[in-house]
Amino acid sequence: LLGSPDLVILDEPTNGLDPAGIQEMRHLLRDLPAAHGITVFLSSHLLAEVEQIAGEIGIINAGRLEFQGTPEELRARRKGWLRIGVDRAAVAVQMLRQQGYEAEAEGPEGLKLPACESSAAAAVNRLLVERGFAVHAMSQVQPTLEEMFLDVTQNS
């Protein structure tokens, strides 16, 4: 970095660092392009780390570039879901399906639906409560970079 390079290539740059060092390295890598005009090329198998740093992602599988774009473009390829914690999940799934929802069970006290707007989530919550189900949790879930990587590499 002392010679003000145009390009820096790094392999697993946070490997072996303590938590404070990891945060400092993330901050540095995110700031280099804007602050100094340096392009950072990062190679890592720690996808949660890449997710926190990268503005553009390339996914290589068996020597082929399978995806290149922003994290948002990659996320658009796989929608998130609405996770609901509810008693009698199997019965709740049946009821929601009868109402036209694409519900799936997630264990004895959980179900999931394709991601939806907050007003639609509120309507699902209201429907469940009106039908006598105890809703104890509701959250929108986005797929992780690791899940998206597996989708791209396993489907190619």
Protein backbone atom coordinates (compact mmCIF):
# COMPACT_ATOMS: atom_id res chain seq x y z
CA LEU A 1 0.00 0.00 0.00
CA LEU A 2 2.98 2.31 0.47
CA GLY A 3 3.54 2.62 -3.28
CA SER A 4 -0.09 3.66 -3.94
CA PRO A 5 -0.95 0.71 -6.21
CA ASP A 6 -3.96 0.74 -8.51
CA LEU A 7 -4.78 -2.87 -7.60
CA VAL A 8 -4.35 -4.90 -4.40
CA ILE A 9 -4.89 -8.67 -4.50
CA LEU A 10 -5.56 -10.31 -1.14
CA ASP A 11 -6.15 -13.94 -0.15
CA GLU A 12 -8.01 -14.46 3.14
CA PRO A 13 -6.87 -11.07 4.54
CA THR A 14 -8.55 -11.51 7.94
CA ASN A 15 -7.21 -15.00 8.57
CA GLY A 16 -5.52 -15.19 11.97
CA LEU A 17 -6.57 -11.74 13.16
CA ASP A 18 -8.25 -11.07 16.48
CA PRO A 19 -11.77 -9.54 16.44
CA ALA A 20 -10.45 -5.96 16.66
CA GLY A 21 -7.99 -6.63 13.83
CA ILE A 22 -10.74 -8.16 11.70
CA GLN A 23 -12.90 -5.06 12.12
CA GLU A 24 -9.97 -2.78 11.32
CA MET A 25 -9.13 -4.80 8.19
CA ARG A 26 -12.79 -4.73 7.03
CA HIS A 27 -12.88 -0.96 7.47
CA LEU A 28 -9.63 -0.54 5.54
CA LEU A 29 -10.76 -2.78 2.67
CA ARG A 30 -14.12 -1.01 2.34
CA ASP A 31 -12.45 2.43 2.35
CA LEU A 32 -9.53 1.83 -0.04
CA PRO A 33 -11.50 2.22 -3.29
CA ALA A 34 -13.28 5.48 -2.39
CA ALA A 35 -10.53 7.08 -0.32
CA HIS A 36 -7.51 6.15 -2.46
CA GLY A 37 -8.85 4.91 -5.81
CA ILE A 38 -7.43 1.45 -5.19
CA THR A 39 -9.21 -1.61 -6.55
CA VAL A 40 -9.23 -4.46 -4.04
CA PHE A 41 -9.48 -8.02 -5.33
CA LEU A 42 -10.28 -10.33 -2.43
CA SER A 43 -10.27 -14.11 -2.48
CA SER A 44 -11.88 -15.86 0.46
CA HIS A 45 -13.80 -18.96 1.44
CA LEU A 46 -15.22 -17.09 4.44
CA LEU A 47 -18.36 -15.92 2.71
CA ALA A 48 -19.80 -14.14 5.74
CA GLU A 49 -16.64 -12.04 5.69
CA VAL A 50 -16.95 -11.33 1.95
CA GLU A 51 -20.57 -10.29 2.50
CA GLN A 52 -19.45 -7.56 4.91
CA ILE A 53 -16.75 -6.16 2.63
CA ALA A 54 -17.46 -6.62 -1.06
CA GLY A 55 -19.21 -4.20 -3.37
CA GLU A 56 -18.97 -6.66 -6.28
CA ILE A 57 -18.85 -10.45 -6.09
CA GLY A 58 -17.59 -13.05 -8.53
CA ILE A 59 -18.41 -16.72 -8.02
CA ILE A 60 -16.07 -19.18 -9.70
CA ASN A 61 -16.98 -22.84 -9.99
CA ALA A 62 -14.74 -25.43 -11.64
CA GLY A 63 -12.73 -22.65 -13.29
CA ARG A 64 -15.81 -20.89 -14.74
CA LEU A 65 -17.13 -17.51 -13.69
CA GLU A 66 -20.73 -18.37 -12.79
CA PHE A 67 -21.79 -14.98 -11.43
CA GLN A 68 -20.43 -11.46 -11.36
CA GLY A 69 -22.29 -8.50 -9.92
CA THR A 70 -23.30 -6.69 -6.77
CA PRO A 71 -24.50 -8.49 -3.65
CA GLU A 72 -27.95 -7.00 -4.36
CA GLU A 73 -27.99 -8.51 -7.86
CA LEU A 74 -27.07 -11.88 -6.38
CA ARG A 75 -29.78 -11.56 -3.71
CA ALA A 76 -32.36 -10.78 -6.41
CA ARG A 77 -31.76 -14.27 -7.80
CA ARG A 78 -33.04 -15.85 -4.60
CA LYS A 79 -35.84 -14.26 -2.65
CA GLY A 80 -36.06 -14.39 1.11
CA TRP A 81 -38.89 -15.72 3.18
CA LEU A 82 -41.12 -14.87 6.09
CA ARG A 83 -40.46 -17.10 9.11
CA ILE A 84 -43.29 -17.43 11.60
CA GLY A 85 -43.15 -19.08 15.00
CA VAL A 86 -46.59 -20.49 15.71
CA ASP A 87 -48.15 -23.29 17.74
CA ARG A 88 -49.57 -26.23 15.75
CA ALA A 89 -47.47 -25.34 12.71
CA ALA A 90 -48.67 -28.27 10.58
CA VAL A 91 -52.30 -27.26 11.07
CA ALA A 92 -51.43 -23.60 10.43
CA VAL A 93 -49.72 -24.56 7.15
CA GLN A 94 -52.84 -26.41 5.99
CA MET A 95 -55.07 -23.47 6.87
CA LEU A 96 -52.79 -20.97 5.11
CA ARG A 97 -52.60 -23.15 1.99
CA GLN A 98 -56.41 -23.27 1.91
CA GLN A 99 -56.31 -19.46 1.94
CA GLY A 100 -53.97 -19.41 -1.06
CA TYR A 101 -50.62 -18.92 0.70
CA GLU A 102 -47.50 -20.93 -0.23
CA ALA A 103 -46.73 -22.04 3.33
CA GLU A 104 -44.24 -24.71 4.41
CA ALA A 105 -43.67 -26.24 7.84
CA GLU A 106 -40.37 -25.59 9.59
CA GLY A 107 -40.44 -27.92 12.56
CA PRO A 108 -43.27 -28.34 15.06
CA GLU A 109 -43.56 -24.64 15.87
CA GLY A 110 -42.48 -22.89 12.72
CA LEU A 111 -43.53 -22.18 9.19
CA LYS A 112 -42.28 -20.12 6.31
CA LEU A 113 -43.77 -18.26 3.37
CA PRO A 114 -42.13 -16.49 0.43
CA ALA A 115 -40.99 -12.98 1.34
CA CYS A 116 -43.80 -10.44 1.35
CA GLU A 117 -44.49 -6.79 2.07
CA SER A 118 -45.09 -5.82 5.69
CA SER A 119 -48.82 -5.30 5.04
CA ALA A 120 -49.11 -8.88 3.72
CA ALA A 121 -47.14 -10.19 6.71
CA ALA A 122 -49.53 -8.33 9.01
CA ALA A 123 -52.49 -9.90 7.19
CA VAL A 124 -51.02 -13.39 7.67
CA ASN A 125 -50.44 -12.64 11.35
CA ARG A 126 -54.01 -11.38 11.76
CA LEU A 127 -55.40 -14.45 9.98
CA LEU A 128 -53.44 -16.82 12.19
CA VAL A 129 -54.50 -15.06 15.40
CA GLU A 130 -58.16 -14.87 14.29
CA ARG A 131 -58.09 -18.62 13.63
CA GLY A 132 -56.83 -19.31 17.16
CA PHE A 133 -53.10 -19.83 16.56
CA ALA A 134 -50.56 -18.41 18.99
CA VAL A 135 -47.99 -16.46 16.96
CA HIS A 136 -44.82 -15.99 19.01
CA ALA A 137 -42.34 -14.77 16.37
CA MET A 138 -42.28 -13.31 12.89
CA SER A 139 -39.27 -12.22 10.88
CA GLN A 140 -38.20 -11.58 7.30
CA VAL A 141 -35.18 -13.76 6.45
CA GLN A 142 -32.72 -13.06 3.64
CA PRO A 143 -30.54 -15.85 2.29
CA THR A 144 -26.89 -15.67 3.28
CA LEU A 145 -24.11 -15.30 0.74
CA GLU A 146 -23.18 -18.91 1.54
CA GLU A 147 -26.68 -20.12 0.60
CA MET A 148 -26.62 -18.08 -2.60
CA PHE A 149 -23.13 -19.38 -3.46
CA LEU A 150 -24.39 -22.95 -3.08
CA ASP A 151 -27.41 -22.18 -5.29
CA VAL A 152 -25.15 -20.80 -8.04
CA THR A 153 -22.52 -23.56 -7.87
CA GLN A 154 -24.90 -26.51 -7.46
CA ASN A 155 -27.18 -25.42 -10.29
CA SER A 156 -24.40 -25.00 -12.85
